[in-house]
Protein backbone atom coordinates (compact mmCIF):
# COMPACT_ATOMS: atom_id res chain seq x y z
CA MET A 1 0.05 0.02 -0.08
CA LEU A 2 2.70 2.48 0.89
CA ALA A 3 4.77 1.42 -2.18
CA SER A 4 1.79 2.20 -4.39
CA LYS A 5 1.17 5.58 -2.89
CA LEU A 6 4.89 6.40 -3.18
CA LYS A 7 4.89 5.20 -6.85
CA GLU A 8 1.86 7.32 -7.58
CA SER A 9 3.28 10.45 -6.01
CA LEU A 10 6.60 9.96 -7.79
CA ALA A 11 4.95 9.40 -11.18
CA TYR A 12 2.89 12.57 -10.73
CA SER A 13 5.86 14.68 -9.73
CA GLN A 14 8.01 13.38 -12.51
CA GLU A 15 5.25 14.03 -15.06
CA ASN A 16 4.14 17.39 -13.80
CA LEU A 17 6.63 18.92 -11.47
CA ASP A 18 10.11 18.32 -13.15
CA PHE A 19 11.14 15.96 -10.26
CA PRO A 20 14.85 15.26 -10.35
CA ASP A 21 15.95 11.95 -11.75
CA PHE A 22 18.65 11.47 -9.12
CA LEU A 23 16.01 11.60 -6.37
CA ALA A 24 13.62 9.43 -8.45
CA ARG A 25 16.34 6.63 -8.67
CA GLU A 26 16.79 6.57 -4.96
CA ILE A 27 13.05 6.59 -4.25
CA GLU A 28 12.79 3.56 -6.65
CA ILE A 29 15.24 1.75 -4.54
CA ILE A 30 13.13 2.40 -1.51
CA ILE A 31 10.04 1.07 -3.28
CA GLN A 32 11.84 -2.15 -4.14
CA LYS A 33 12.58 -2.80 -0.41
CA PRO A 34 9.28 -3.56 1.35
CA ASN A 35 11.20 -4.46 4.55
CA ILE A 36 12.68 -0.94 4.85
CA MET A 37 9.27 0.58 3.89
CA GLU A 38 7.69 -1.22 6.76
CA GLU A 39 10.51 -0.61 9.31
CA LYS A 40 10.50 3.06 8.49
CA LYS A 41 6.82 3.62 7.75
CA ASP A 42 6.56 7.06 9.36
CA LEU A 43 9.52 8.34 7.23
CA VAL A 44 8.01 6.76 4.13
CA GLU A 45 4.75 8.45 4.74
CA SER A 46 6.66 11.74 5.16
CA LEU A 47 8.40 11.11 1.92
CA ILE A 48 5.13 10.51 0.09
CA PHE A 49 3.90 13.92 1.21
CA GLN A 50 7.27 15.59 0.35
CA VAL A 51 7.33 14.10 -3.19
CA SER A 52 3.74 15.29 -3.76
CA ASP A 53 4.63 18.70 -2.28
CA TYR A 54 7.89 19.09 -4.28
CA ASP A 55 8.83 22.51 -5.76
CA PRO A 56 12.30 22.97 -7.33
CA PHE A 57 12.15 26.63 -6.25
CA ALA A 58 10.94 25.91 -2.63
CA GLU A 59 13.87 27.78 -0.96
CA ALA A 60 14.18 30.57 -3.58
CA GLY A 61 11.87 33.10 -1.82
CA CYS A 62 11.61 34.40 1.68
CA CYS A 63 8.71 32.02 2.61
CA LYS A 64 9.23 28.25 2.30
CA ASP A 65 5.80 26.86 1.46
CA ALA A 66 6.80 23.67 -0.41
CA THR A 67 9.30 20.72 -0.14
CA SER A 68 12.80 21.36 -1.62
CA PRO A 69 15.07 18.71 -3.22
CA GLU A 70 17.34 19.04 -0.26
CA ASP A 71 14.36 18.11 2.14
CA ILE A 72 13.55 15.02 0.15
CA LYS A 73 17.24 14.00 -0.03
CA LYS A 74 17.40 14.24 3.84
CA THR A 75 14.42 12.01 4.19
CA ILE A 76 15.71 9.49 1.60
CA ASN A 77 18.96 9.41 3.52
CA MET A 78 17.25 8.64 6.82
CA ILE A 79 15.30 5.82 5.20
CA LEU A 80 18.19 4.18 3.36
CA TYR A 81 21.27 4.92 5.52
CA ASP A 82 20.19 5.42 9.15
């Protein structure tokens, strides 16, 4: 279930929001590891939100109202490497 939600969010962001390929590749690794997804369910749920909320210019202005590539990378690192 989490995998399908993450896949859907990723597909939407790649098609509509110019989501970076280097992040997409790491997310695809997470999707292929159900044990990690289950162990780090809270982080994966956060990642789903972040991918849906992605904006390449999130940190360009004075008010941060979207998720930046750096935010997503931090979450990916916590899932894969912590």
